[in-house]
PDB file of N, CA and C in Angstrom:
ATOM      1  N   PHE A   1     -82.603  76.761 -13.727  1.00  0.00           N
ATOM      2  CA  PHE A   1     -81.819  76.618 -14.798  1.00  0.00           C
ATOM      3  C   PHE A   1     -83.067  75.370 -15.800  1.00  0.00           C
ATOM      4  N   ARG A   2     -83.201  74.700 -14.248  1.00  0.00           N
ATOM      5  CA  ARG A   2     -83.845  73.742 -14.805  1.00  0.00           C
ATOM      6  C   ARG A   2     -85.152  74.196 -15.374  1.00  0.00           C
ATOM      7  N   ALA A   3     -85.875  74.486 -15.065  1.00  0.00           N
ATOM      8  CA  ALA A   3     -87.329  74.269 -14.930  1.00  0.00           C
ATOM      9  C   ALA A   3     -86.917  75.421 -16.785  1.00  0.00           C
ATOM     10  N   TRP A   4     -85.780  76.050 -17.109  1.00  0.00           N
ATOM     11  CA  TRP A   4     -86.044  76.479 -18.328  1.00  0.00           C
ATOM     12  C   TRP A   4     -86.018  75.844 -18.863  1.00  0.00           C
ATOM     13  N   ASN A   5     -85.129  74.997 -19.054  1.00  0.00           N
ATOM     14  CA  ASN A   5     -84.580  73.700 -19.986  1.00  0.00           C
ATOM     15  C   ASN A   5     -85.457  72.644 -19.931  1.00  0.00           C
ATOM     16  N   ASP A   6     -87.039  73.358 -19.669  1.00  0.00           N
ATOM     17  CA  ASP A   6     -87.613  72.567 -19.911  1.00  0.00           C
ATOM     18  C   ASP A   6     -87.734  71.286 -19.482  1.00  0.00           C
ATOM     19  N   GLY A   7     -87.651  70.982 -18.259  1.00  0.00           N
ATOM     20  CA  GLY A   7     -87.494  70.998 -17.027  1.00  0.00           C
ATOM     21  C   GLY A   7     -86.489  69.399 -16.825  1.00  0.00           C
ATOM     22  N   VAL A   8     -85.251  69.316 -17.897  1.00  0.00           N
ATOM     23  CA  VAL A   8     -84.607  68.762 -17.571  1.00  0.00           C
ATOM     24  C   VAL A   8     -82.901  69.510 -17.214  1.00  0.00           C
ATOM     25  N   ALA A   9     -82.715  68.675 -16.369  1.00  0.00           N
ATOM     26  CA  ALA A   9     -81.611  69.394 -15.655  1.00  0.00           C
ATOM     27  C   ALA A   9     -80.004  69.164 -16.410  1.00  0.00           C
ATOM     28  N   ILE A  10     -79.043  70.140 -15.490  1.00  0.00           N
ATOM     29  CA  ILE A  10     -78.326  70.318 -16.659  1.00  0.00           C
ATOM     30  C   ILE A  10     -77.417  70.074 -15.632  1.00  0.00           C
ATOM     31  N   THR A  11     -76.913  68.734 -15.691  1.00  0.00           N
ATOM     32  CA  THR A  11     -75.729  67.753 -14.698  1.00  0.00           C
ATOM     33  C   THR A  11     -74.681  68.233 -14.889  1.00  0.00           C
ATOM     34  N   PRO A  12     -74.077  69.063 -16.513  1.00  0.00           N
ATOM     35  CA  PRO A  12     -72.331  70.287 -15.105  1.00  0.00           C
ATOM     36  C   PRO A  12     -72.502  71.044 -14.713  1.00  0.00           C
ATOM     37  N   GLY A  13     -71.737  71.454 -14.192  1.00  0.00           N
ATOM     38  CA  GLY A  13     -72.053  72.276 -12.909  1.00  0.00           C
ATOM     39  C   GLY A  13     -71.855  73.038 -13.291  1.00  0.00           C
ATOM     40  N   LYS A  14     -72.507  74.619 -12.967  1.00  0.00           N
ATOM     41  CA  LYS A  14     -72.234  75.596 -13.787  1.00  0.00           C
ATOM     42  C   LYS A  14     -70.744  76.519 -14.075  1.00  0.00           C
ATOM     43  N   LYS A  15     -69.699  75.974 -13.233  1.00  0.00           N
ATOM     44  CA  LYS A  15     -68.440  76.166 -13.720  1.00  0.00           C
ATOM     45  C   LYS A  15     -68.237  75.864 -14.174  1.00  0.00           C
ATOM     46  N   THR A  16     -68.483  75.330 -14.750  1.00  0.00           N
ATOM     47  CA  THR A  16     -67.549  73.974 -15.650  1.00  0.00           C
ATOM     48  C   THR A  16     -67.798  74.338 -16.849  1.00  0.00           C
ATOM     49  N   ARG A  17     -66.907  74.390 -18.016  1.00  0.00           N
ATOM     50  CA  ARG A  17     -66.783  74.550 -20.120  1.00  0.00           C
ATOM     51  C   ARG A  17     -68.500  74.310 -19.856  1.00  0.00           C
ATOM     52  N   ASP A  18     -68.891  72.635 -20.202  1.00  0.00           N
ATOM     53  CA  ASP A  18     -70.211  72.529 -20.313  1.00  0.00           C
ATOM     54  C   ASP A  18     -71.444  72.935 -20.046  1.00  0.00           C
ATOM     55  N   GLY A  19     -71.159  72.919 -18.802  1.00  0.00           N
ATOM     56  CA  GLY A  19     -72.434  73.586 -18.000  1.00  0.00           C
ATOM     57  C   GLY A  19     -72.655  75.620 -18.094  1.00  0.00           C
ATOM     58  N   PHE A  20     -71.672  76.242 -18.563  1.00  0.00           N
ATOM     59  CA  PHE A  20     -71.892  77.529 -18.570  1.00  0.00           C
ATOM     60  C   PHE A  20     -72.150  77.236 -20.252  1.00  0.00           C
ATOM     61  N   ALA A  21     -72.237  76.698 -20.635  1.00  0.00           N
ATOM     62  CA  ALA A  21     -72.762  76.435 -22.300  1.00  0.00           C
ATOM     63  C   ALA A  21     -73.904  77.130 -22.230  1.00  0.00           C
ATOM     64  N   VAL A  22     -74.397  75.380 -21.766  1.00  0.00           N
ATOM     65  CA  VAL A  22     -75.776  75.056 -21.804  1.00  0.00           C
ATOM     66  C   VAL A  22     -76.705  76.434 -21.561  1.00  0.00           C
ATOM     67  N   ARG A  23     -75.764  76.423 -20.211  1.00  0.00           N
ATOM     68  CA  ARG A  23     -76.337  77.954 -19.471  1.00  0.00           C
ATOM     69  C   ARG A  23     -76.659  78.956 -19.881  1.00  0.00           C
ATOM     70  N   ARG A  24     -75.717  79.620 -21.086  1.00  0.00           N
ATOM     71  CA  ARG A  24     -75.399  80.349 -22.180  1.00  0.00           C
ATOM     72  C   ARG A  24     -76.391  80.673 -22.970  1.00  0.00           C
ATOM     73  N   ALA A  25     -76.068  79.256 -23.412  1.00  0.00           N
ATOM     74  CA  ALA A  25     -77.152  79.371 -24.462  1.00  0.00           C
ATOM     75  C   ALA A  25     -78.353  79.249 -24.752  1.00  0.00           C
ATOM     76  N   LEU A  26     -79.077  79.095 -22.895  1.00  0.00           N
ATOM     77  CA  LEU A  26     -80.704  79.263 -22.685  1.00  0.00           C
ATOM     78  C   LEU A  26     -80.587  80.030 -22.636  1.00  0.00           C
ATOM     79  N   VAL A  27     -79.326  81.508 -21.559  1.00  0.00           N
ATOM     80  CA  VAL A  27     -79.916  82.876 -21.999  1.00  0.00           C
ATOM     81  C   VAL A  27     -79.552  83.181 -23.261  1.00  0.00           C
ATOM     82  N   GLU A  28     -78.910  82.991 -24.247  1.00  0.00           N
ATOM     83  CA  GLU A  28     -78.671  83.483 -25.418  1.00  0.00           C
ATOM     84  C   GLU A  28     -80.186  83.212 -26.381  1.00  0.00           C
ATOM     85  N   ARG A  29     -80.758  83.084 -25.596  1.00  0.00           N
ATOM     86  CA  ARG A  29     -82.048  82.086 -27.040  1.00  0.00           C
ATOM     87  C   ARG A  29     -83.359  82.775 -26.578  1.00  0.00           C
ATOM     88  N   HIS A  30     -82.935  83.172 -24.974  1.00  0.00           N
ATOM     89  CA  HIS A  30     -84.819  84.027 -24.856  1.00  0.00           C
ATOM     90  C   HIS A  30     -83.782  85.955 -25.005  1.00  0.00           C
ATOM     91  N   PHE A  31     -82.606  86.007 -24.614  1.00  0.00           N
ATOM     92  CA  PHE A  31     -82.588  87.686 -24.213  1.00  0.00           C
ATOM     93  C   PHE A  31     -81.879  87.637 -25.496  1.00  0.00           C
ATOM     94  N   GLY A  32     -81.277  86.940 -26.501  1.00  0.00           N
ATOM     95  CA  GLY A  32     -80.671  87.252 -27.684  1.00  0.00           C
ATOM     96  C   GLY A  32     -78.931  86.871 -28.051  1.00  0.00           C
ATOM     97  N   GLY A  33     -78.559  86.726 -29.320  1.00  0.00           N
ATOM     98  CA  GLY A  33     -77.374  86.105 -28.345  1.00  0.00           C
ATOM     99  C   GLY A  33     -75.992  87.215 -28.808  1.00  0.00           C
ATOM    100  N   ASP A  34     -76.515  88.099 -28.207  1.00  0.00           N
ATOM    101  CA  ASP A  34     -75.497  88.507 -27.576  1.00  0.00           C
ATOM    102  C   ASP A  34     -75.389  89.157 -26.085  1.00  0.00           C
ATOM    103  N   ALA A  35     -76.422  88.373 -25.967  1.00  0.00           N
ATOM    104  CA  ALA A  35     -77.048  89.217 -24.369  1.00  0.00           C
ATOM    105  C   ALA A  35     -76.540  88.866 -22.980  1.00  0.00           C
ATOM    106  N   PHE A  36     -75.101  87.471 -23.277  1.00  0.00           N
ATOM    107  CA  PHE A  36     -73.953  87.803 -22.131  1.00  0.00           C
ATOM    108  C   PHE A  36     -73.069  88.773 -22.516  1.00  0.00           C
ATOM    109  N   THR A  37     -72.472  88.949 -24.109  1.00  0.00           N
ATOM    110  CA  THR A  37     -71.829  89.466 -24.110  1.00  0.00           C
ATOM    111  C   THR A  37     -71.381  90.780 -23.712  1.00  0.00           C
ATOM    112  N   ARG A  38     -72.903  91.138 -23.513  1.00  0.00           N
ATOM    113  CA  ARG A  38     -72.946  92.795 -23.218  1.00  0.00           C
ATOM    114  C   ARG A  38     -72.918  93.508 -21.660  1.00  0.00           C
ATOM    115  N   VAL A  39     -73.545  92.068 -21.170  1.00  0.00           N
ATOM    116  CA  VAL A  39     -73.324  92.334 -20.305  1.00  0.00           C
ATOM    117  C   VAL A  39     -71.515  91.878 -19.745  1.00  0.00           C
ATOM    118  N   ARG A  40     -70.817  91.469 -20.165  1.00  0.00           N
ATOM    119  CA  ARG A  40     -69.312  91.144 -20.118  1.00  0.00           C
ATOM    120  C   ARG A  40     -68.787  92.578 -20.565  1.00  0.00           C
ATOM    121  N   ALA A  41     -69.364  93.252 -21.598  1.00  0.00           N
ATOM    122  CA  ALA A  41     -68.275  94.450 -22.381  1.00  0.00           C
ATOM    123  C   ALA A  41     -68.236  95.182 -21.046  1.00  0.00           C
ATOM    124  N   GLN A  42     -69.541  96.121 -19.741  1.00  0.00           N
ATOM    125  CA  GLN A  42     -69.566  96.672 -19.092  1.00  0.00           C
ATOM    126  C   GLN A  42     -68.640  96.085 -16.955  1.00  0.00           C
ATOM    127  N   TRP A  43     -68.956  94.895 -17.584  1.00  0.00           N
ATOM    128  CA  TRP A  43     -68.275  94.294 -15.837  1.00  0.00           C
ATOM    129  C   TRP A  43     -66.905  93.179 -16.330  1.00  0.00           C
ATOM    130  N   THR A  44     -66.589  93.780 -15.728  1.00  0.00           N
ATOM    131  CA  THR A  44     -65.128  92.569 -16.325  1.00  0.00           C
ATOM    132  C   THR A  44     -65.542  91.666 -14.551  1.00  0.00           C
ATOM    133  N   LYS A  45     -64.509  89.655 -15.469  1.00  0.00           N
ATOM    134  CA  LYS A  45     -64.450  89.189 -14.572  1.00  0.00           C
ATOM    135  C   LYS A  45     -63.971  89.153 -13.205  1.00  0.00           C
ATOM    136  N   SER A  46     -63.579  89.703 -12.532  1.00  0.00           N
ATOM    137  CA  SER A  46     -62.905  90.692 -10.947  1.00  0.00           C
ATOM    138  C   SER A  46     -63.852  91.326 -10.356  1.00  0.00           C
ATOM    139  N   ARG A  47     -65.004  91.423 -10.891  1.00  0.00           N
ATOM    140  CA  ARG A  47     -66.770  92.223 -10.144  1.00  0.00           C
ATOM    141  C   ARG A  47     -67.935  91.268 -10.570  1.00  0.00           C
ATOM    142  N   VAL A  48     -67.946  90.272 -11.671  1.00  0.00           N
ATOM    143  CA  VAL A  48     -68.558  89.405 -11.801  1.00  0.00           C
ATOM    144  C   VAL A  48     -68.194  88.211 -12.640  1.00  0.00           C
ATOM    145  N   ALA A  49     -68.275  87.214 -11.945  1.00  0.00           N
ATOM    146  CA  ALA A  49     -68.331  85.847 -12.493  1.00  0.00           C
ATOM    147  C   ALA A  49     -69.087  85.576 -13.522  1.00  0.00           C
ATOM    148  N   ASP A  50     -68.348  85.246 -14.404  1.00  0.00           N
ATOM    149  CA  ASP A  50     -69.204  84.590 -15.960  1.00  0.00           C
ATOM    150  C   ASP A  50     -70.578  84.449 -14.474  1.00  0.00           C
ATOM    151  N   ASP A  51     -70.953  83.104 -14.199  1.00  0.00           N
ATOM    152  CA  ASP A  51     -72.187  82.166 -13.372  1.00  0.00           C
ATOM    153  C   ASP A  51     -72.751  82.775 -13.191  1.00  0.00           C
ATOM    154  N   ASP A  52     -72.157  84.321 -12.564  1.00  0.00           N
ATOM    155  CA  ASP A  52     -73.031  84.633 -11.554  1.00  0.00           C
ATOM    156  C   ASP A  52     -73.720  86.397 -13.117  1.00  0.00           C
ATOM    157  N   VAL A  53     -73.271  86.656 -13.798  1.00  0.00           N
ATOM    158  CA  VAL A  53     -74.033  86.761 -14.956  1.00  0.00           C
ATOM    159  C   VAL A  53     -75.644  85.660 -15.821  1.00  0.00           C
ATOM    160  N   LEU A  54     -75.407  84.343 -15.781  1.00  0.00           N
ATOM    161  CA  LEU A  54     -76.268  83.646 -15.744  1.00  0.00           C
ATOM    162  C   LEU A  54     -77.299  83.563 -14.768  1.00  0.00           C
ATOM    163  N   ASP A  55     -76.495  83.508 -13.777  1.00  0.00           N
ATOM    164  CA  ASP A  55     -77.917  83.833 -12.542  1.00  0.00           C
ATOM    165  C   ASP A  55     -78.337  84.894 -12.170  1.00  0.00           C
ATOM    166  N   ALA A  56     -78.013  85.954 -13.062  1.00  0.00           N
ATOM    167  CA  ALA A  56     -78.730  87.311 -12.481  1.00  0.00           C
ATOM    168  C   ALA A  56     -79.972  87.355 -14.607  1.00  0.00           C
ATOM    169  N   TYR A  57     -79.393  86.974 -15.538  1.00  0.00           N
ATOM    170  CA  TYR A  57     -79.861  86.376 -15.868  1.00  0.00           C
ATOM    171  C   TYR A  57     -81.678  85.754 -15.558  1.00  0.00           C
ATOM    172  N   ALA A  58     -81.022  84.395 -15.030  1.00  0.00           N
ATOM    173  CA  ALA A  58     -82.484  83.104 -14.787  1.00  0.00           C
ATOM    174  C   ALA A  58     -83.035  84.002 -13.358  1.00  0.00           C
ATOM    175  N   ALA A  59     -82.518  85.158 -12.454  1.00  0.00           N
ATOM    176  CA  ALA A  59     -83.638  85.598 -11.988  1.00  0.00           C
ATOM    177  C   ALA A  59     -84.355  86.309 -12.889  1.00  0.00           C
ATOM    178  N   LEU A  60     -84.217  87.169 -14.210  1.00  0.00           N
ATOM    179  CA  LEU A  60     -84.836  87.982 -14.868  1.00  0.00           C
ATOM    180  C   LEU A  60     -85.676  87.174 -15.168  1.00  0.00           C
ATOM    181  N   TRP A  61     -85.185  86.169 -16.054  1.00  0.00           N
ATOM    182  CA  TRP A  61     -86.317  84.835 -16.744  1.00  0.00           C
ATOM    183  C   TRP A  61     -87.890  84.636 -15.255  1.00  0.00           C
ATOM    184  N   SER A  62     -86.823  84.394 -14.429  1.00  0.00           N
ATOM    185  CA  SER A  62     -88.002  83.645 -13.511  1.00  0.00           C
ATOM    186  C   SER A  62     -88.984  85.305 -13.398  1.00  0.00           C
ATOM    187  N   ALA A  63     -88.601  87.146 -13.157  1.00  0.00           N
ATOM    188  CA  ALA A  63     -89.042  88.072 -12.379  1.00  0.00           C
ATOM    189  C   ALA A  63     -90.280  88.423 -13.897  1.00  0.00           C
ATOM    190  N   GLU A  64     -90.035  87.704 -15.212  1.00  0.00           N
ATOM    191  CA  GLU A  64     -90.586  87.647 -16.827  1.00  0.00           C
ATOM    192  C   GLU A  64     -91.824  86.875 -16.410  1.00  0.00           C
ATOM    193  N   ARG A  65     -91.417  85.384 -15.643  1.00  0.00           N
ATOM    194  CA  ARG A  65     -92.765  84.762 -15.476  1.00  0.00           C
ATOM    195  C   ARG A  65     -93.613  84.913 -14.791  1.00  0.00           C
ATOM    196  N   ILE A  66     -92.775  85.802 -13.507  1.00  0.00           N
ATOM    197  CA  ILE A  66     -94.300  86.374 -12.686  1.00  0.00           C
ATOM    198  C   ILE A  66     -94.571  87.233 -12.978  1.00  0.00           C
ATOM    199  N   ALA A  67     -94.502  88.759 -14.037  1.00  0.00           N
ATOM    200  CA  ALA A  67     -94.472  89.561 -14.277  1.00  0.00           C
ATOM    201  C   ALA A  67     -95.928  89.497 -14.983  1.00  0.00           C
ATOM    202  N   ARG A  68     -96.464  88.063 -16.312  1.00  0.00           N
ATOM    203  CA  ARG A  68     -96.903  87.658 -16.906  1.00  0.00           C
ATOM    204  C   ARG A  68     -97.985  86.634 -16.301  1.00  0.00           C
ATOM    205  N   GLY A  69     -97.565  86.330 -15.091  1.00  0.00           N
ATOM    206  CA  GLY A  69     -98.731  85.104 -14.428  1.00  0.00           C
ATOM    207  C   GLY A  69     -98.076  83.454 -15.105  1.00  0.00           C
ATOM    208  N   ALA A  70     -97.027  83.590 -15.621  1.00  0.00           N
ATOM    209  CA  ALA A  70     -97.181  82.535 -15.873  1.00  0.00           C
ATOM    210  C   ALA A  70     -96.043  81.663 -14.381  1.00  0.00           C
ATOM    211  N   ALA A  71     -95.585  81.961 -13.507  1.00  0.00           N
ATOM    212  CA  ALA A  71     -94.901  81.850 -12.688  1.00  0.00           C
ATOM    213  C   ALA A  71     -95.728  80.664 -12.160  1.00  0.00           C
ATOM    214  N   ILE A  72     -94.390  79.374 -11.715  1.00  0.00           N
ATOM    215  CA  ILE A  72     -95.001  78.391 -10.974  1.00  0.00           C
ATOM    216  C   ILE A  72     -94.572  78.143  -9.127  1.00  0.00           C
ATOM    217  N   SER A  73     -94.789  78.409  -8.649  1.00  0.00           N
ATOM    218  CA  SER A  73     -95.006  78.088  -6.942  1.00  0.00           C
ATOM    219  C   SER A  73     -94.776  76.539  -6.360  1.00  0.00           C
ATOM    220  N   LEU A  74     -93.530  76.294  -5.833  1.00  0.00           N
ATOM    221  CA  LEU A  74     -93.180  75.540  -5.078  1.00  0.00           C
ATOM    222  C   LEU A  74     -93.464  75.555  -3.580  1.00  0.00           C
ATOM    223  N   PRO A  75     -93.346  75.082  -2.681  1.00  0.00           N
ATOM    224  CA  PRO A  75     -94.922  74.446  -2.942  1.00  0.00           C
ATOM    225  C   PRO A  75     -95.856  75.499  -3.118  1.00  0.00           C
ATOM    226  N   ASP A  76     -97.118  74.447  -3.784  1.00  0.00           N
ATOM    227  CA  ASP A  76     -98.243  74.841  -3.909  1.00  0.00           C
ATOM    228  C   ASP A  76     -99.864  74.469  -3.446  1.00  0.00           C
ATOM    229  N   PRO A  77     -99.812  75.123  -2.231  1.00  0.00           N
ATOM    230  CA  PRO A  77     -99.505  76.197  -1.082  1.00  0.00           C
ATOM    231  C   PRO A  77     -98.602  76.084  -0.609  1.00  0.00           C
ATOM    232  N   PRO A  78     -97.483  77.309  -0.645  1.00  0.00           N
ATOM    233  CA  PRO A  78     -96.434  77.741   0.187  1.00  0.00           C
ATOM    234  C   PRO A  78     -96.966  77.454   1.881  1.00  0.00           C
ATOM    235  N   LEU A  79     -95.691  77.228   2.244  1.00  0.00           N
ATOM    236  CA  LEU A  79     -95.979  77.034   4.234  1.00  0.00           C
ATOM    237  C   LEU A  79     -95.542  78.758   4.293  1.00  0.00           C
ATOM    238  N   ARG A  80     -95.827  79.273   5.629  1.00  0.00           N
ATOM    239  CA  ARG A  80     -95.846  79.875   6.078  1.00  0.00           C
ATOM    240  C   ARG A  80     -94.915  80.558   6.874  1.00  0.00           C
ATOM    241  N   ASP A  81     -94.295  81.450   7.143  1.00  0.00           N
ATOM    242  CA  ASP A  81     -92.881  81.602   8.679  1.00  0.00           C
ATOM    243  C   ASP A  81     -94.601  81.930   9.174  1.00  0.00           C
ATOM    244  N   ALA A  82     -93.418  82.669  10.596  1.00  0.00           N
ATOM    245  CA  ALA A  82     -93.677  82.981  11.685  1.00  0.00           C
ATOM    246  C   ALA A  82     -94.196  85.025  11.168  1.00  0.00           C
ATOM    247  N   PHE A  83     -93.624  84.883  10.223  1.00  0.00           N
ATOM    248  CA  PHE A  83     -94.461  86.515  10.513  1.00  0.00           C
ATOM    249  C   PHE A  83     -95.524  86.227   9.439  1.00  0.00           C
ATOM    250  N   GLY A  84     -95.906  84.754   8.736  1.00  0.00           N
ATOM    251  CA  GLY A  84     -96.846  84.751   7.719  1.00  0.00           C
ATOM    252  C   GLY A  84     -96.301  85.112   6.416  1.00  0.00           C
ATOM    253  N   LEU A  85     -94.907  85.209   6.205  1.00  0.00           N
ATOM    254  CA  LEU A  85     -94.469  84.899   5.046  1.00  0.00           C
ATOM    255  C   LEU A  85     -95.010  83.467   4.133  1.00  0.00           C
ATOM    256  N   PRO A  86     -94.756  84.016   2.663  1.00  0.00           N
ATOM    257  CA  PRO A  86     -95.255  82.552   3.409  1.00  0.00           C
ATOM    258  C   PRO A  86     -93.486  81.615   2.240  1.00  0.00           C
ATOM    259  N   MET A  87     -93.540  80.763   2.555  1.00  0.00           N
ATOM    260  CA  MET A  87     -91.900  80.079   2.331  1.00  0.00           C
ATOM    261  C   MET A  87     -91.998  79.163   0.775  1.00  0.00           C
ATOM    262  N   ARG A  88     -91.301  80.219   0.032  1.00  0.00           N
ATOM    263  CA  ARG A  88     -91.540  79.428  -1.120  1.00  0.00           C
ATOM    264  C   ARG A  88     -90.006  79.590  -2.452  1.00  0.00           C
ATOM    265  N   ILE A  89     -89.940  78.739  -3.319  1.00  0.00           N
ATOM    266  CA  ILE A  89     -89.567  79.140  -4.507  1.00  0.00           C
ATOM    267  C   ILE A  89     -90.449  79.614  -5.875  1.00  0.00           C
ATOM    268  N   VAL A  90     -90.488  80.742  -6.263  1.00  0.00           N
ATOM    269  CA  VAL A  90     -91.025  80.887  -7.892  1.00  0.00           C
ATOM    270  C   VAL A  90     -89.885  81.264  -8.585  1.00  0.00           C
ATOM    271  N   TYR A  91     -91.192  80.432  -9.859  1.00  0.00           N
ATOM    272  CA  TYR A  91     -90.194  79.923 -11.105  1.00  0.00           C
ATOM    273  C   TYR A  91     -91.034  80.589 -12.769  1.00  0.00           C
TER     274      TYR A  91
END
């Protein structure tokens, strides 16, 4: 969410009212004003927590960036594990 928020850290935790509101605003600005509500209408809170819905949208946001070649890798270049796989965060 920090990258999505123009590099500015979101200090309130994701489970707080303020933290949730900031993250939801990012989701709805990118995916549409009803993005969160559409998912919430399909899944009860007992099955999927609100912050998990927002986290899934953050993963989708990152996947879109990867697909269009706009993603950033940390570190760059990444280290490799014992199997030769890159150890990195991509967003």
